[in-house]
């Protein structure tokens, strides 16, 4: 879906409603890095590390073992009156100590709460400074942000910081034939081509697993998609192929 994966040193925004699997996807990203010999740092603002670690284990990720092996550090920054500089310094120290190349910030809502009130007014600038400092070190950063379900679910209110991310993954719920399904899409990748498909996924005991791309439905973004007829589906696919052919020729 991401045209080969997340480029090293990118800032990735994972947006979705409560329970969509943003934290699981982020944990999976760090765990995959550890399997490849990399180190990671997970910054938790809204949940105590013990609870975070226990929940991750239920989905097949043994964060305790990674911590014991010196491959992972889980930071818990409580909602205190932190300045941006204090927060950034703490994260940078952990990154440098481990030689981490992957960082998860879970979540931006918690990060905003952890800042002193005077800094919350300039949240976008604060977030930008932190991300720039980390990616300048060659670190790949995945940040989660909670958004409300709506027809306009690609608008990342209230932060309006989507333009600061190199890559954006959107997750949401939809109703398909009387069943609640989870779908995701790669909305943006700044440095590579990516799939435009809305793809179903499930949260299992092995983490987040992708299912089929939902090509046979239209109106998925509305939350209540309709199945296209086979004839109409072929006609629309043909029209899309023609447009892509013309764009390629141009």
Protein backbone atom coordinates (compact mmCIF):
# COMPACT_ATOMS: atom_id res chain seq x y z
CA UNK A 1 0.00 0.00 0.00
CA UNK A 2 2.89 2.36 0.73
CA UNK A 3 4.87 1.60 -2.39
CA UNK A 4 7.51 -0.44 -0.58
CA UNK A 5 7.26 0.90 2.97
CA UNK A 6 7.90 4.01 4.99
CA UNK A 7 11.03 5.88 3.86
CA UNK A 8 13.59 6.20 6.65
CA UNK A 9 13.49 9.62 8.30
CA UNK A 10 9.86 10.34 7.37
CA UNK A 11 7.21 11.70 9.70
CA UNK A 12 4.06 9.55 9.52
CA UNK A 13 0.63 10.56 10.80
CA UNK A 14 -1.82 7.76 11.66
CA UNK A 15 -5.32 9.21 12.05
CA UNK A 16 -8.49 7.47 13.12
CA UNK A 17 -11.28 7.18 15.71
CA UNK A 18 -11.04 5.54 19.13
CA UNK A 19 -10.38 1.81 18.94
CA UNK A 20 -9.46 1.79 15.25
CA UNK A 21 -6.03 0.26 15.94
CA UNK A 22 -3.72 3.27 15.74
CA UNK A 23 -1.65 2.14 18.72
CA UNK A 24 -1.45 -1.44 17.46
CA UNK A 25 -0.24 -0.28 14.05
CA UNK A 26 2.38 1.93 15.73
CA UNK A 27 3.53 -0.88 18.03
CA UNK A 28 3.76 -3.19 15.03
CA UNK A 29 5.98 -0.62 13.31
CA UNK A 30 8.41 -0.54 16.23
CA UNK A 31 8.34 -4.33 16.68
CA UNK A 32 9.13 -4.82 13.01
CA UNK A 33 12.13 -2.54 13.43
CA UNK A 34 13.43 -4.54 16.39
CA UNK A 35 13.14 -7.73 14.30
CA UNK A 36 15.36 -6.00 11.72
CA UNK A 37 17.98 -5.11 14.34
CA UNK A 38 16.82 -1.52 14.94
CA UNK A 39 15.96 0.14 18.24
CA UNK A 40 12.84 2.13 19.04
CA UNK A 41 11.28 4.55 21.50
CA UNK A 42 7.56 4.70 22.27
CA UNK A 43 6.36 7.92 23.89
CA UNK A 44 3.09 7.42 25.78
CA UNK A 45 1.08 10.37 27.05
CA UNK A 46 -2.36 8.94 27.83
CA UNK A 47 -1.70 5.50 29.29
CA UNK A 48 0.69 4.10 31.91
CA UNK A 49 3.51 2.03 30.34
CA UNK A 50 2.49 -1.13 32.23
CA UNK A 51 -1.00 -1.00 30.73
CA UNK A 52 0.44 -0.19 27.30
CA UNK A 53 2.85 -3.13 27.50
CA UNK A 54 0.16 -5.55 28.75
CA UNK A 55 -2.21 -4.58 25.95
CA UNK A 56 0.51 -4.97 23.32
CA UNK A 57 1.24 -8.51 24.56
CA UNK A 58 -2.38 -9.50 23.85
CA UNK A 59 -1.73 -8.72 20.19
CA UNK A 60 1.52 -10.65 19.95
CA UNK A 61 4.09 -7.96 20.80
CA UNK A 62 6.36 -8.71 23.78
CA UNK A 63 7.58 -5.21 24.58
CA UNK A 64 9.00 -6.35 27.93
CA UNK A 65 11.44 -8.64 26.14
CA UNK A 66 12.45 -5.86 23.77
CA UNK A 67 13.08 -3.55 26.74
CA UNK A 68 15.11 -6.23 28.53
CA UNK A 69 17.21 -6.73 25.38
CA UNK A 70 17.97 -2.99 25.27
CA UNK A 71 16.11 -2.59 21.96
CA UNK A 72 13.15 -0.53 23.20
CA UNK A 73 12.38 2.28 25.63
CA UNK A 74 8.80 3.12 26.59
CA UNK A 75 8.51 6.67 27.94
CA UNK A 76 5.56 7.89 29.98
CA UNK A 77 5.14 11.65 30.05
CA UNK A 78 2.33 12.48 32.44
CA UNK A 79 0.11 15.54 31.90
CA UNK A 80 2.39 17.93 33.74
CA UNK A 81 3.28 21.47 32.80
CA UNK A 82 6.03 20.54 30.38
CA UNK A 83 7.59 22.91 27.95
CA UNK A 84 8.28 21.85 24.39
CA UNK A 85 12.01 22.03 25.04
CA UNK A 86 11.75 19.78 28.11
CA UNK A 87 9.67 17.24 26.21
CA UNK A 88 11.97 17.26 23.20
CA UNK A 89 15.12 17.00 25.32
CA UNK A 90 13.74 13.98 27.17
CA UNK A 91 12.82 12.21 23.93
CA UNK A 92 16.14 13.06 22.24
CA UNK A 93 18.10 11.72 25.23
CA UNK A 94 16.29 8.39 25.04
CA UNK A 95 16.78 8.21 21.27
CA UNK A 96 20.51 8.90 21.51
CA UNK A 97 20.97 6.52 24.44
CA UNK A 98 19.49 3.60 22.49
CA UNK A 99 20.59 4.68 19.05
CA UNK A 100 16.91 4.46 18.13
CA UNK A 101 15.82 4.86 14.53
CA UNK A 102 12.06 4.50 15.12
CA UNK A 103 9.94 6.67 17.42
CA UNK A 104 6.21 6.45 18.15
CA UNK A 105 4.31 9.37 19.68
CA UNK A 106 1.01 8.06 21.03
CA UNK A 107 -0.84 10.36 20.88
CA UNK A 108 -0.80 13.99 19.77
CA UNK A 109 -3.89 14.65 21.89
CA UNK A 110 -1.93 13.55 24.94
CA UNK A 111 1.09 15.55 23.85
CA UNK A 112 -1.01 18.70 23.70
CA UNK A 113 -2.41 18.05 27.19
CA UNK A 114 1.10 17.48 28.56
CA UNK A 115 2.21 20.92 27.45
CA UNK A 116 1.84 23.96 29.64
CA UNK A 117 -1.19 26.09 28.65
CA UNK A 118 0.98 28.80 27.11
CA UNK A 119 2.55 26.25 24.74
CA UNK A 120 -0.80 24.72 23.74
CA UNK A 121 -1.66 27.89 21.87
CA UNK A 122 1.24 27.20 19.51
CA UNK A 123 0.71 23.45 19.27
CA UNK A 124 1.45 23.22 15.54
CA UNK A 125 4.75 25.04 15.96
CA UNK A 126 5.62 22.84 18.94
CA UNK A 127 4.84 19.67 17.01
CA UNK A 128 6.81 20.90 14.00
CA UNK A 129 9.88 21.65 16.09
CA UNK A 130 9.83 18.23 17.70
CA UNK A 131 9.36 16.33 14.46
CA UNK A 132 12.04 18.34 12.65
CA UNK A 133 14.54 17.71 15.43
CA UNK A 134 13.92 13.95 15.39
CA UNK A 135 13.85 13.42 11.61
CA UNK A 136 17.03 15.51 11.34
CA UNK A 137 18.68 12.70 13.34
CA UNK A 138 17.49 10.20 10.71
CA UNK A 139 14.70 8.91 12.96
CA UNK A 140 11.41 7.74 11.45
CA UNK A 141 8.52 9.10 13.53
CA UNK A 142 4.99 7.69 13.67
CA UNK A 143 2.45 9.89 15.47
CA UNK A 144 -1.15 8.96 16.20
CA UNK A 145 -4.04 11.42 16.26
CA UNK A 146 -7.66 10.78 17.11
CA UNK A 147 -10.31 12.11 14.75
CA UNK A 148 -14.07 11.94 14.96
CA UNK A 149 -16.04 9.79 12.53
CA UNK A 150 -17.67 11.98 9.89
CA UNK A 151 -18.13 12.24 6.14
CA UNK A 152 -15.23 14.67 6.20
CA UNK A 153 -12.96 12.24 8.04
CA UNK A 154 -9.87 13.32 6.13
CA UNK A 155 -9.88 16.65 7.94
CA UNK A 156 -7.55 16.24 10.92
CA UNK A 157 -9.26 18.64 13.33
CA UNK A 158 -8.57 20.12 15.77
CA UNK A 159 -4.83 20.18 15.11
CA UNK A 160 -4.68 20.97 11.40
CA UNK A 161 -1.16 19.58 11.26
CA UNK A 162 -1.53 17.14 8.36
CA UNK A 163 0.66 19.33 6.15
CA UNK A 164 3.56 18.72 8.54
CA UNK A 165 3.55 14.95 7.91
CA UNK A 166 5.42 13.31 5.04
CA UNK A 167 3.03 10.36 5.01
CA UNK A 168 -0.57 9.98 6.21
CA UNK A 169 -2.51 6.79 6.96
CA UNK A 170 -6.22 7.17 7.66
CA UNK A 171 -8.27 4.53 9.50
CA UNK A 172 -12.03 4.43 9.96
CA UNK A 173 -15.15 2.31 10.50
CA UNK A 174 -17.72 1.63 7.79
CA UNK A 175 -20.92 -0.39 7.66
CA UNK A 176 -20.92 -3.05 4.95
CA UNK A 177 -23.97 -5.27 4.58
CA UNK A 178 -25.00 -4.81 8.20
CA UNK A 179 -21.51 -5.44 9.59
CA UNK A 180 -19.09 -2.93 11.07
CA UNK A 181 -15.78 -3.12 9.19
CA UNK A 182 -12.46 -1.33 9.59
CA UNK A 183 -10.77 0.19 6.55
CA UNK A 184 -7.60 2.15 5.98
CA UNK A 185 -6.07 4.15 3.16
CA UNK A 186 -2.73 5.77 2.45
CA UNK A 187 -3.74 9.38 1.91
CA UNK A 188 -0.35 10.90 1.24
CA UNK A 189 3.26 9.95 0.65
CA UNK A 190 5.61 12.76 -0.08
CA UNK A 191 8.46 10.82 -1.68
CA UNK A 192 6.98 7.73 -3.34
CA UNK A 193 3.98 6.33 -5.17
CA UNK A 194 1.34 4.55 -3.16
CA UNK A 195 -1.92 2.64 -3.48
CA UNK A 196 -5.13 4.67 -3.62
CA UNK A 197 -7.26 1.70 -2.54
CA UNK A 198 -9.38 1.61 0.60
CA UNK A 199 -8.40 -1.67 2.21
CA UNK A 200 -10.15 -3.68 4.92
CA UNK A 201 -8.18 -4.82 7.97
CA UNK A 202 -8.68 -6.69 11.23
CA UNK A 203 -7.06 -6.54 14.65
CA UNK A 204 -6.07 -10.10 15.59
CA UNK A 205 -3.91 -11.82 18.20
CA UNK A 206 -1.03 -11.31 15.74
CA UNK A 207 -1.60 -7.57 15.39
CA UNK A 208 -3.12 -5.67 12.51
CA UNK A 209 -3.71 -7.77 9.39
CA UNK A 210 -4.77 -6.41 6.01
CA UNK A 211 -7.64 -7.99 4.13
CA UNK A 212 -9.09 -7.23 0.70
CA UNK A 213 -9.16 -3.91 -1.12
CA UNK A 214 -12.78 -2.75 -1.35
CA UNK A 215 -12.90 -2.06 -5.09
CA UNK A 216 -16.43 -3.39 -5.45
CA UNK A 217 -17.93 -0.68 -3.22
CA UNK A 218 -18.53 3.00 -3.77
CA UNK A 219 -19.21 5.68 -1.18
CA UNK A 220 -16.91 4.11 1.42
CA UNK A 221 -15.88 7.49 2.81
CA UNK A 222 -19.52 8.21 3.69
CA UNK A 223 -19.38 5.33 6.17
CA UNK A 224 -22.28 3.48 4.50
CA UNK A 225 -20.93 2.21 1.14
CA UNK A 226 -22.95 0.53 -1.58
CA UNK A 227 -21.88 -2.43 -3.68
CA UNK A 228 -21.42 -1.54 -7.32
CA UNK A 229 -23.09 -3.73 -9.93
CA UNK A 230 -20.68 -5.87 -11.94
CA UNK A 231 -21.51 -4.03 -15.15
CA UNK A 232 -21.13 -0.60 -13.60
CA UNK A 233 -17.94 -1.68 -11.86
CA UNK A 234 -16.38 -2.78 -15.15
CA UNK A 235 -17.44 0.46 -16.83
CA UNK A 236 -15.97 2.60 -14.04
CA UNK A 237 -12.74 0.59 -13.99
CA UNK A 238 -12.45 0.99 -17.77
CA UNK A 239 -13.01 4.75 -17.48
CA UNK A 240 -10.38 4.99 -14.75
CA UNK A 241 -7.86 3.03 -16.81
CA UNK A 242 -8.52 5.32 -19.76
CA UNK A 243 -7.90 8.42 -17.62
CA UNK A 244 -4.67 6.94 -16.24
CA UNK A 245 -3.57 6.08 -19.79
CA UNK A 246 -4.21 9.62 -20.95
CA UNK A 247 -2.32 11.02 -17.94
CA UNK A 248 0.62 8.74 -18.74
CA UNK A 249 0.63 9.81 -22.36
CA UNK A 250 0.52 13.45 -21.32
